[in-house]
Amino acid sequence: MPMLMAASGIALMVPTMTNVTLSSVEPSRAGIASGVLNTARQVGGMLGVETCGYFVRDTASTAFMHGMHLSLIVAVVVLFLGAALSFFCLDRER
């Protein structure tokens, strides 16, 4: 069930993120914006997997599920911090 929820969240987030990014730039800069978006998404995914892996590895000797739970809590906190930062920093004039 948690993986289904994660996959659903990603399926809803990625097209929305792409639409917001590409609609907020001039059409002549859409290629650059797309490249920056995909680079940031790949780096963010790598850092997310690395961070979750660190917490799973750190607590793997005691309990795998505890480590997985802790890593998902960290991922949710980072998600909400990013959402709050985006909400307060995006230009709403468009």
PDB file of N, CA and C in Angstrom:
ATOM      1  N   MET A   1       0.805  -1.204   0.000  1.00  0.00           N
ATOM      2  CA  MET A   1       0.000   0.000   0.000  1.00  0.00           C
ATOM      3  C   MET A   1       0.854   1.278   0.000  1.00  0.00           C
ATOM      4  N   PRO A   2       1.937   1.345   0.799  1.00  0.00           N
ATOM      5  CA  PRO A   2       2.742   2.569   0.761  1.00  0.00           C
ATOM      6  C   PRO A   2       3.338   2.837  -0.618  1.00  0.00           C
ATOM      7  N   MET A   3       3.741   1.775  -1.334  1.00  0.00           N
ATOM      8  CA  MET A   3       4.312   1.981  -2.660  1.00  0.00           C
ATOM      9  C   MET A   3       3.256   2.463  -3.653  1.00  0.00           C
ATOM     10  N   LEU A   4       2.023   2.012  -3.493  1.00  0.00           N
ATOM     11  CA  LEU A   4       0.934   2.485  -4.340  1.00  0.00           C
ATOM     12  C   LEU A   4       0.694   3.972  -4.106  1.00  0.00           C
ATOM     13  N   MET A   5       0.734   4.382  -2.856  1.00  0.00           N
ATOM     14  CA  MET A   5       0.552   5.797  -2.534  1.00  0.00           C
ATOM     15  C   MET A   5       1.711   6.630  -3.080  1.00  0.00           C
ATOM     16  N   ALA A   6       2.934   6.122  -2.969  1.00  0.00           N
ATOM     17  CA  ALA A   6       4.093   6.845  -3.495  1.00  0.00           C
ATOM     18  C   ALA A   6       4.004   6.974  -5.012  1.00  0.00           C
ATOM     19  N   ALA A   7       3.643   5.898  -5.687  1.00  0.00           N
ATOM     20  CA  ALA A   7       3.522   5.935  -7.147  1.00  0.00           C
ATOM     21  C   ALA A   7       2.416   6.886  -7.590  1.00  0.00           C
ATOM     22  N   SER A   8       1.315   6.906  -6.858  1.00  0.00           N
ATOM     23  CA  SER A   8       0.222   7.828  -7.190  1.00  0.00           C
ATOM     24  C   SER A   8       0.662   9.272  -6.998  1.00  0.00           C
ATOM     25  N   GLY A   9       1.397   9.534  -5.935  1.00  0.00           N
ATOM     26  CA  GLY A   9       1.896  10.888  -5.688  1.00  0.00           C
ATOM     27  C   GLY A   9       2.845  11.349  -6.774  1.00  0.00           C
ATOM     28  N   ILE A  10       3.728  10.456  -7.201  1.00  0.00           N
ATOM     29  CA  ILE A  10       4.668  10.799  -8.264  1.00  0.00           C
ATOM     30  C   ILE A  10       3.920  11.027  -9.572  1.00  0.00           C
ATOM     31  N   ALA A  11       2.935  10.185  -9.859  1.00  0.00           N
ATOM     32  CA  ALA A  11       2.162  10.330 -11.095  1.00  0.00           C
ATOM     33  C   ALA A  11       1.398  11.648 -11.131  1.00  0.00           C
ATOM     34  N   LEU A  12       0.985  12.141  -9.986  1.00  0.00           N
ATOM     35  CA  LEU A  12       0.288  13.427  -9.939  1.00  0.00           C
ATOM     36  C   LEU A  12       1.260  14.601  -9.928  1.00  0.00           C
ATOM     37  N   MET A  13       2.439  14.421  -9.350  1.00  0.00           N
ATOM     38  CA  MET A  13       3.368  15.517  -9.172  1.00  0.00           C
ATOM     39  C   MET A  13       4.153  15.860 -10.434  1.00  0.00           C
ATOM     40  N   VAL A  14       4.678  14.869 -11.128  1.00  0.00           N
ATOM     41  CA  VAL A  14       5.594  15.128 -12.238  1.00  0.00           C
ATOM     42  C   VAL A  14       4.936  15.916 -13.377  1.00  0.00           C
ATOM     43  N   PRO A  15       3.765  15.547 -13.882  1.00  0.00           N
ATOM     44  CA  PRO A  15       3.163  16.359 -14.945  1.00  0.00           C
ATOM     45  C   PRO A  15       2.816  17.776 -14.479  1.00  0.00           C
ATOM     46  N   THR A  16       2.369  17.902 -13.238  1.00  0.00           N
ATOM     47  CA  THR A  16       2.036  19.223 -12.711  1.00  0.00           C
ATOM     48  C   THR A  16       3.283  20.084 -12.600  1.00  0.00           C
ATOM     49  N   MET A  17       4.357  19.507 -12.089  1.00  0.00           N
ATOM     50  CA  MET A  17       5.615  20.230 -11.946  1.00  0.00           C
ATOM     51  C   MET A  17       6.142  20.663 -13.319  1.00  0.00           C
ATOM     52  N   THR A  18       6.050  19.795 -14.297  1.00  0.00           N
ATOM     53  CA  THR A  18       6.500  20.125 -15.643  1.00  0.00           C
ATOM     54  C   THR A  18       5.652  21.241 -16.242  1.00  0.00           C
ATOM     55  N   ASN A  19       4.341  21.155 -16.074  1.00  0.00           N
ATOM     56  CA  ASN A  19       3.442  22.176 -16.600  1.00  0.00           C
ATOM     57  C   ASN A  19       3.717  23.538 -15.970  1.00  0.00           C
ATOM     58  N   VAL A  20       3.861  23.578 -14.661  1.00  0.00           N
ATOM     59  CA  VAL A  20       4.113  24.847 -13.969  1.00  0.00           C
ATOM     60  C   VAL A  20       5.444  25.436 -14.408  1.00  0.00           C
ATOM     61  N   THR A  21       6.459  24.597 -14.520  1.00  0.00           N
ATOM     62  CA  THR A  21       7.785  25.086 -14.901  1.00  0.00           C
ATOM     63  C   THR A  21       7.781  25.643 -16.317  1.00  0.00           C
ATOM     64  N   LEU A  22       7.239  24.903 -17.255  1.00  0.00           N
ATOM     65  CA  LEU A  22       7.287  25.336 -18.647  1.00  0.00           C
ATOM     66  C   LEU A  22       6.330  26.483 -18.945  1.00  0.00           C
ATOM     67  N   SER A  23       5.245  26.599 -18.191  1.00  0.00           N
ATOM     68  CA  SER A  23       4.326  27.715 -18.434  1.00  0.00           C
ATOM     69  C   SER A  23       4.796  29.002 -17.766  1.00  0.00           C
ATOM     70  N   SER A  24       5.808  28.918 -16.906  1.00  0.00           N
ATOM     71  CA  SER A  24       6.277  30.123 -16.220  1.00  0.00           C
ATOM     72  C   SER A  24       7.462  30.774 -16.920  1.00  0.00           C
ATOM     73  N   VAL A  25       7.888  30.235 -18.059  1.00  0.00           N
ATOM     74  CA  VAL A  25       8.999  30.835 -18.803  1.00  0.00           C
ATOM     75  C   VAL A  25       8.526  31.215 -20.200  1.00  0.00           C
ATOM     76  N   GLU A  26       9.312  32.056 -20.843  1.00  0.00           N
ATOM     77  CA  GLU A  26       9.009  32.435 -22.221  1.00  0.00           C
ATOM     78  C   GLU A  26       9.179  31.210 -23.128  1.00  0.00           C
ATOM     79  N   PRO A  27       8.381  31.113 -24.186  1.00  0.00           N
ATOM     80  CA  PRO A  27       8.498  29.951 -25.082  1.00  0.00           C
ATOM     81  C   PRO A  27       9.904  29.756 -25.653  1.00  0.00           C
ATOM     82  N   SER A  28      10.643  30.841 -25.850  1.00  0.00           N
ATOM     83  CA  SER A  28      11.997  30.707 -26.399  1.00  0.00           C
ATOM     84  C   SER A  28      12.966  30.068 -25.408  1.00  0.00           C
ATOM     85  N   ARG A  29      12.601  30.029 -24.142  1.00  0.00           N
ATOM     86  CA  ARG A  29      13.471  29.444 -23.113  1.00  0.00           C
ATOM     87  C   ARG A  29      12.925  28.116 -22.575  1.00  0.00           C
ATOM     88  N   ALA A  30      11.958  27.547 -23.249  1.00  0.00           N
ATOM     89  CA  ALA A  30      11.341  26.305 -22.776  1.00  0.00           C
ATOM     90  C   ALA A  30      12.337  25.147 -22.744  1.00  0.00           C
ATOM     91  N   GLY A  31      13.238  25.085 -23.706  1.00  0.00           N
ATOM     92  CA  GLY A  31      14.233  24.013 -23.727  1.00  0.00           C
ATOM     93  C   GLY A  31      15.178  24.085 -22.543  1.00  0.00           C
ATOM     94  N   ILE A  32      15.620  25.296 -22.211  1.00  0.00           N
ATOM     95  CA  ILE A  32      16.501  25.482 -21.057  1.00  0.00           C
ATOM     96  C   ILE A  32      15.760  25.121 -19.779  1.00  0.00           C
ATOM     97  N   ALA A  33      14.516  25.581 -19.656  1.00  0.00           N
ATOM     98  CA  ALA A  33      13.731  25.288 -18.453  1.00  0.00           C
ATOM     99  C   ALA A  33      13.504  23.788 -18.302  1.00  0.00           C
ATOM    100  N   SER A  34      13.250  23.118 -19.410  1.00  0.00           N
ATOM    101  CA  SER A  34      13.047  21.672 -19.364  1.00  0.00           C
ATOM    102  C   SER A  34      14.316  20.957 -18.910  1.00  0.00           C
ATOM    103  N   GLY A  35      15.454  21.395 -19.414  1.00  0.00           N
ATOM    104  CA  GLY A  35      16.723  20.794 -19.010  1.00  0.00           C
ATOM    105  C   GLY A  35      17.029  21.012 -17.540  1.00  0.00           C
ATOM    106  N   VAL A  36      16.786  22.234 -17.062  1.00  0.00           N
ATOM    107  CA  VAL A  36      17.023  22.533 -15.646  1.00  0.00           C
ATOM    108  C   VAL A  36      16.069  21.726 -14.771  1.00  0.00           C
ATOM    109  N   LEU A  37      14.808  21.641 -15.172  1.00  0.00           N
ATOM    110  CA  LEU A  37      13.825  20.869 -14.411  1.00  0.00           C
ATOM    111  C   LEU A  37      14.237  19.404 -14.306  1.00  0.00           C
ATOM    112  N   ASN A  38      14.601  18.805 -15.429  1.00  0.00           N
ATOM    113  CA  ASN A  38      14.967  17.388 -15.405  1.00  0.00           C
ATOM    114  C   ASN A  38      16.256  17.141 -14.626  1.00  0.00           C
ATOM    115  N   THR A  39      17.213  18.069 -14.724  1.00  0.00           N
ATOM    116  CA  THR A  39      18.439  17.928 -13.935  1.00  0.00           C
ATOM    117  C   THR A  39      18.132  18.018 -12.453  1.00  0.00           C
ATOM    118  N   ALA A  40      17.327  19.003 -12.063  1.00  0.00           N
ATOM    119  CA  ALA A  40      16.965  19.160 -10.651  1.00  0.00           C
ATOM    120  C   ALA A  40      16.178  17.950 -10.151  1.00  0.00           C
ATOM    121  N   ARG A  41      15.318  17.416 -10.988  1.00  0.00           N
ATOM    122  CA  ARG A  41      14.528  16.243 -10.598  1.00  0.00           C
ATOM    123  C   ARG A  41      15.419  15.021 -10.395  1.00  0.00           C
ATOM    124  N   GLN A  42      16.390  14.837 -11.283  1.00  0.00           N
ATOM    125  CA  GLN A  42      17.305  13.700 -11.155  1.00  0.00           C
ATOM    126  C   GLN A  42      18.203  13.835  -9.925  1.00  0.00           C
ATOM    127  N   VAL A  43      18.734  15.041  -9.700  1.00  0.00           N
ATOM    128  CA  VAL A  43      19.587  15.263  -8.526  1.00  0.00           C
ATOM    129  C   VAL A  43      18.767  15.102  -7.250  1.00  0.00           C
ATOM    130  N   GLY A  44      17.554  15.636  -7.238  1.00  0.00           N
ATOM    131  CA  GLY A  44      16.688  15.482  -6.069  1.00  0.00           C
ATOM    132  C   GLY A  44      16.344  14.033  -5.797  1.00  0.00           C
ATOM    133  N   GLY A  45      16.077  13.276  -6.850  1.00  0.00           N
ATOM    134  CA  GLY A  45      15.799  11.851  -6.677  1.00  0.00           C
ATOM    135  C   GLY A  45      16.997  11.103  -6.135  1.00  0.00           C
ATOM    136  N   MET A  46      18.179  11.437  -6.642  1.00  0.00           N
ATOM    137  CA  MET A  46      19.398  10.790  -6.157  1.00  0.00           C
ATOM    138  C   MET A  46      19.632  11.115  -4.685  1.00  0.00           C
ATOM    139  N   LEU A  47      19.461  12.377  -4.316  1.00  0.00           N
ATOM    140  CA  LEU A  47      19.652  12.754  -2.914  1.00  0.00           C
ATOM    141  C   LEU A  47      18.590  12.118  -2.019  1.00  0.00           C
ATOM    142  N   GLY A  48      17.373  12.011  -2.521  1.00  0.00           N
ATOM    143  CA  GLY A  48      16.315  11.377  -1.743  1.00  0.00           C
ATOM    144  C   GLY A  48      16.579   9.904  -1.497  1.00  0.00           C
ATOM    145  N   VAL A  49      17.001   9.197  -2.539  1.00  0.00           N
ATOM    146  CA  VAL A  49      17.315   7.774  -2.386  1.00  0.00           C
ATOM    147  C   VAL A  49      18.507   7.599  -1.449  1.00  0.00           C
ATOM    148  N   GLU A  50      19.505   8.456  -1.594  1.00  0.00           N
ATOM    149  CA  GLU A  50      20.689   8.364  -0.738  1.00  0.00           C
ATOM    150  C   GLU A  50      20.335   8.633   0.719  1.00  0.00           C
ATOM    151  N   THR A  51      19.492   9.637   0.969  1.00  0.00           N
ATOM    152  CA  THR A  51      19.101   9.966   2.339  1.00  0.00           C
ATOM    153  C   THR A  51      18.277   8.843   2.954  1.00  0.00           C
ATOM    154  N   CYS A  52      17.309   8.349   2.207  1.00  0.00           N
ATOM    155  CA  CYS A  52      16.503   7.236   2.719  1.00  0.00           C
ATOM    156  C   CYS A  52      17.371   6.003   2.946  1.00  0.00           C
ATOM    157  N   GLY A  53      18.297   5.744   2.040  1.00  0.00           N
ATOM    158  CA  GLY A  53      19.201   4.610   2.210  1.00  0.00           C
ATOM    159  C   GLY A  53      20.085   4.745   3.432  1.00  0.00           C
ATOM    160  N   TYR A  54      20.498   5.958   3.730  1.00  0.00           N
ATOM    161  CA  TYR A  54      21.319   6.185   4.923  1.00  0.00           C
ATOM    162  C   TYR A  54      20.557   5.798   6.179  1.00  0.00           C
ATOM    163  N   PHE A  55      19.296   6.234   6.276  1.00  0.00           N
ATOM    164  CA  PHE A  55      18.529   5.928   7.477  1.00  0.00           C
ATOM    165  C   PHE A  55      18.168   4.446   7.561  1.00  0.00           C
ATOM    166  N   VAL A  56      17.910   3.818   6.420  1.00  0.00           N
ATOM    167  CA  VAL A  56      17.623   2.383   6.434  1.00  0.00           C
ATOM    168  C   VAL A  56      18.880   1.613   6.846  1.00  0.00           C
ATOM    169  N   ARG A  57      20.025   1.976   6.294  1.00  0.00           N
ATOM    170  CA  ARG A  57      21.277   1.303   6.627  1.00  0.00           C
ATOM    171  C   ARG A  57      21.653   1.532   8.082  1.00  0.00           C
ATOM    172  N   ASP A  58      21.443   2.756   8.554  1.00  0.00           N
ATOM    173  CA  ASP A  58      21.839   3.105   9.914  1.00  0.00           C
ATOM    174  C   ASP A  58      21.092   2.274  10.951  1.00  0.00           C
ATOM    175  N   THR A  59      19.856   1.944  10.664  1.00  0.00           N
ATOM    176  CA  THR A  59      19.059   1.207  11.645  1.00  0.00           C
ATOM    177  C   THR A  59      18.779  -0.232  11.213  1.00  0.00           C
ATOM    178  N   ALA A  60      19.445  -0.691  10.160  1.00  0.00           N
ATOM    179  CA  ALA A  60      19.164  -2.031   9.641  1.00  0.00           C
ATOM    180  C   ALA A  60      19.515  -3.121  10.639  1.00  0.00           C
ATOM    181  N   SER A  61      20.506  -2.875  11.484  1.00  0.00           N
ATOM    182  CA  SER A  61      20.881  -3.916  12.438  1.00  0.00           C
ATOM    183  C   SER A  61      19.806  -4.112  13.501  1.00  0.00           C
ATOM    184  N   THR A  62      19.025  -3.090  13.792  1.00  0.00           N
ATOM    185  CA  THR A  62      17.976  -3.235  14.810  1.00  0.00           C
ATOM    186  C   THR A  62      16.654  -3.673  14.198  1.00  0.00           C
ATOM    187  N   ALA A  63      16.228  -2.994  13.141  1.00  0.00           N
ATOM    188  CA  ALA A  63      14.966  -3.384  12.505  1.00  0.00           C
ATOM    189  C   ALA A  63      14.846  -2.666  11.165  1.00  0.00           C
ATOM    190  N   PHE A  64      14.680  -3.443  10.113  1.00  0.00           N
ATOM    191  CA  PHE A  64      14.554  -2.865   8.778  1.00  0.00           C
ATOM    192  C   PHE A  64      13.341  -1.950   8.680  1.00  0.00           C
ATOM    193  N   MET A  65      12.231  -2.377   9.219  1.00  0.00           N
ATOM    194  CA  MET A  65      11.007  -1.578   9.112  1.00  0.00           C
ATOM    195  C   MET A  65      11.126  -0.263   9.872  1.00  0.00           C
ATOM    196  N   HIS A  66      11.816  -0.270  10.990  1.00  0.00           N
ATOM    197  CA  HIS A  66      12.023   0.977  11.724  1.00  0.00           C
ATOM    198  C   HIS A  66      12.836   1.954  10.870  1.00  0.00           C
ATOM    199  N   GLY A  67      13.869   1.446  10.218  1.00  0.00           N
ATOM    200  CA  GLY A  67      14.678   2.288   9.343  1.00  0.00           C
ATOM    201  C   GLY A  67      13.886   2.810   8.159  1.00  0.00           C
ATOM    202  N   MET A  68      13.055   1.958   7.579  1.00  0.00           N
ATOM    203  CA  MET A  68      12.219   2.383   6.462  1.00  0.00           C
ATOM    204  C   MET A  68      11.228   3.448   6.911  1.00  0.00           C
ATOM    205  N   HIS A  69      10.644   3.246   8.065  1.00  0.00           N
ATOM    206  CA  HIS A  69       9.697   4.217   8.619  1.00  0.00           C
ATOM    207  C   HIS A  69      10.385   5.566   8.837  1.00  0.00           C
ATOM    208  N   LEU A  70      11.559   5.549   9.412  1.00  0.00           N
ATOM    209  CA  LEU A  70      12.297   6.781   9.661  1.00  0.00           C
ATOM    210  C   LEU A  70      12.660   7.482   8.358  1.00  0.00           C
ATOM    211  N   SER A  71      13.079   6.721   7.357  1.00  0.00           N
ATOM    212  CA  SER A  71      13.453   7.338   6.086  1.00  0.00           C
ATOM    213  C   SER A  71      12.244   7.947   5.386  1.00  0.00           C
ATOM    214  N   LEU A  72      11.081   7.328   5.498  1.00  0.00           N
ATOM    215  CA  LEU A  72       9.882   7.903   4.889  1.00  0.00           C
ATOM    216  C   LEU A  72       9.431   9.159   5.625  1.00  0.00           C
ATOM    217  N   ILE A  73       9.619   9.201   6.938  1.00  0.00           N
ATOM    218  CA  ILE A  73       9.301  10.422   7.690  1.00  0.00           C
ATOM    219  C   ILE A  73      10.197  11.566   7.226  1.00  0.00           C
ATOM    220  N   VAL A  74      11.483  11.283   7.054  1.00  0.00           N
ATOM    221  CA  VAL A  74      12.407  12.311   6.562  1.00  0.00           C
ATOM    222  C   VAL A  74      11.983  12.773   5.173  1.00  0.00           C
ATOM    223  N   ALA A  75      11.597  11.849   4.303  1.00  0.00           N
ATOM    224  CA  ALA A  75      11.167  12.208   2.951  1.00  0.00           C
ATOM    225  C   ALA A  75       9.923  13.090   2.979  1.00  0.00           C
ATOM    226  N   VAL A  76       8.976  12.797   3.853  1.00  0.00           N
ATOM    227  CA  VAL A  76       7.756  13.607   3.956  1.00  0.00           C
ATOM    228  C   VAL A  76       8.079  15.002   4.475  1.00  0.00           C
ATOM    229  N   VAL A  77       8.966  15.097   5.459  1.00  0.00           N
ATOM    230  CA  VAL A  77       9.352  16.410   5.989  1.00  0.00           C
ATOM    231  C   VAL A  77      10.005  17.247   4.894  1.00  0.00           C
ATOM    232  N   VAL A  78      10.914  16.645   4.122  1.00  0.00           N
ATOM    233  CA  VAL A  78      11.566  17.366   3.035  1.00  0.00           C
ATOM    234  C   VAL A  78      10.545  17.767   1.974  1.00  0.00           C
ATOM    235  N   LEU A  79       9.590  16.900   1.682  1.00  0.00           N
ATOM    236  CA  LEU A  79       8.537  17.213   0.723  1.00  0.00           C
ATOM    237  C   LEU A  79       7.746  18.441   1.152  1.00  0.00           C
ATOM    238  N   PHE A  80       7.330  18.478   2.412  1.00  0.00           N
ATOM    239  CA  PHE A  80       6.552  19.617   2.891  1.00  0.00           C
ATOM    240  C   PHE A  80       7.389  20.893   2.965  1.00  0.00           C
ATOM    241  N   LEU A  81       8.665  20.784   3.308  1.00  0.00           N
ATOM    242  CA  LEU A  81       9.526  21.966   3.298  1.00  0.00           C
ATOM    243  C   LEU A  81       9.661  22.519   1.881  1.00  0.00           C
ATOM    244  N   GLY A  82       9.834  21.631   0.906  1.00  0.00           N
ATOM    245  CA  GLY A  82       9.914  22.067  -0.487  1.00  0.00           C
ATOM    246  C   GLY A  82       8.616  22.685  -0.973  1.00  0.00           C
ATOM    247  N   ALA A  83       7.489  22.110  -0.576  1.00  0.00           N
ATOM    248  CA  ALA A  83       6.193  22.670  -0.966  1.00  0.00           C
ATOM    249  C   ALA A  83       5.994  24.050  -0.351  1.00  0.00           C
ATOM    250  N   ALA A  84       6.358  24.205   0.919  1.00  0.00           N
ATOM    251  CA  ALA A  84       6.221  25.509   1.574  1.00  0.00           C
ATOM    252  C   ALA A  84       7.139  26.533   0.929  1.00  0.00           C
ATOM    253  N   LEU A  85       8.371  26.138   0.626  1.00  0.00           N
ATOM    254  CA  LEU A  85       9.306  27.042  -0.030  1.00  0.00           C
ATOM    255  C   LEU A  85       8.782  27.460  -1.398  1.00  0.00           C
ATOM    256  N   SER A  86       8.253  26.517  -2.163  1.00  0.00           N
ATOM    257  CA  SER A  86       7.687  26.832  -3.475  1.00  0.00           C
ATOM    258  C   SER A  86       6.487  27.756  -3.348  1.00  0.00           C
ATOM    259  N   PHE A  87       5.636  27.500  -2.371  1.00  0.00           N
ATOM    260  CA  PHE A  87       4.432  28.304  -2.190  1.00  0.00           C
ATOM    261  C   PHE A  87       4.782  29.758  -1.884  1.00  0.00           C
ATOM    262  N   PHE A  88       5.768  29.969  -1.044  1.00  0.00           N
ATOM    263  CA  PHE A  88       6.096  31.328  -0.631  1.00  0.00           C
ATOM    264  C   PHE A  88       7.055  32.037  -1.577  1.00  0.00           C
ATOM    265  N   CYS A  89       7.771  31.295  -2.413  1.00  0.00           N
ATOM    266  CA  CYS A  89       8.781  31.917  -3.269  1.00  0.00           C
ATOM    267  C   CYS A  89       8.349  32.104  -4.720  1.00  0.00           C
ATOM    268  N   LEU A  90       7.308  31.412  -5.153  1.00  0.00           N
ATOM    269  CA  LEU A  90       6.892  31.539  -6.547  1.00  0.00           C
ATOM    270  C   LEU A  90       6.195  32.868  -6.785  1.00  0.00           C
ATOM    271  N   ASP A  91       6.444  33.417  -7.959  1.00  0.00           N
ATOM    272  CA  ASP A  91       5.811  34.670  -8.361  1.00  0.00           C
ATOM    273  C   ASP A  91       4.380  34.377  -8.799  1.00  0.00           C
ATOM    274  N   ARG A  92       3.415  35.011  -8.150  1.00  0.00           N
ATOM    275  CA  ARG A  92       2.002  34.746  -8.455  1.00  0.00           C
ATOM    276  C   ARG A  92       1.399  35.791  -9.393  1.00  0.00           C
ATOM    277  N   GLU A  93       2.230  36.611  -9.988  1.00  0.00           N
ATOM    278  CA  GLU A  93       1.747  37.678 -10.869  1.00  0.00           C
ATOM    279  C   GLU A  93       1.243  37.153 -12.203  1.00  0.00           C
ATOM    280  N   ARG A  94       1.693  35.997 -12.636  1.00  0.00           N
ATOM    281  CA  ARG A  94       1.330  35.475 -13.962  1.00  0.00           C
ATOM    282  C   ARG A  94      -0.081  35.103 -14.003  1.00  0.00           C
TER     283      ARG A  94
END
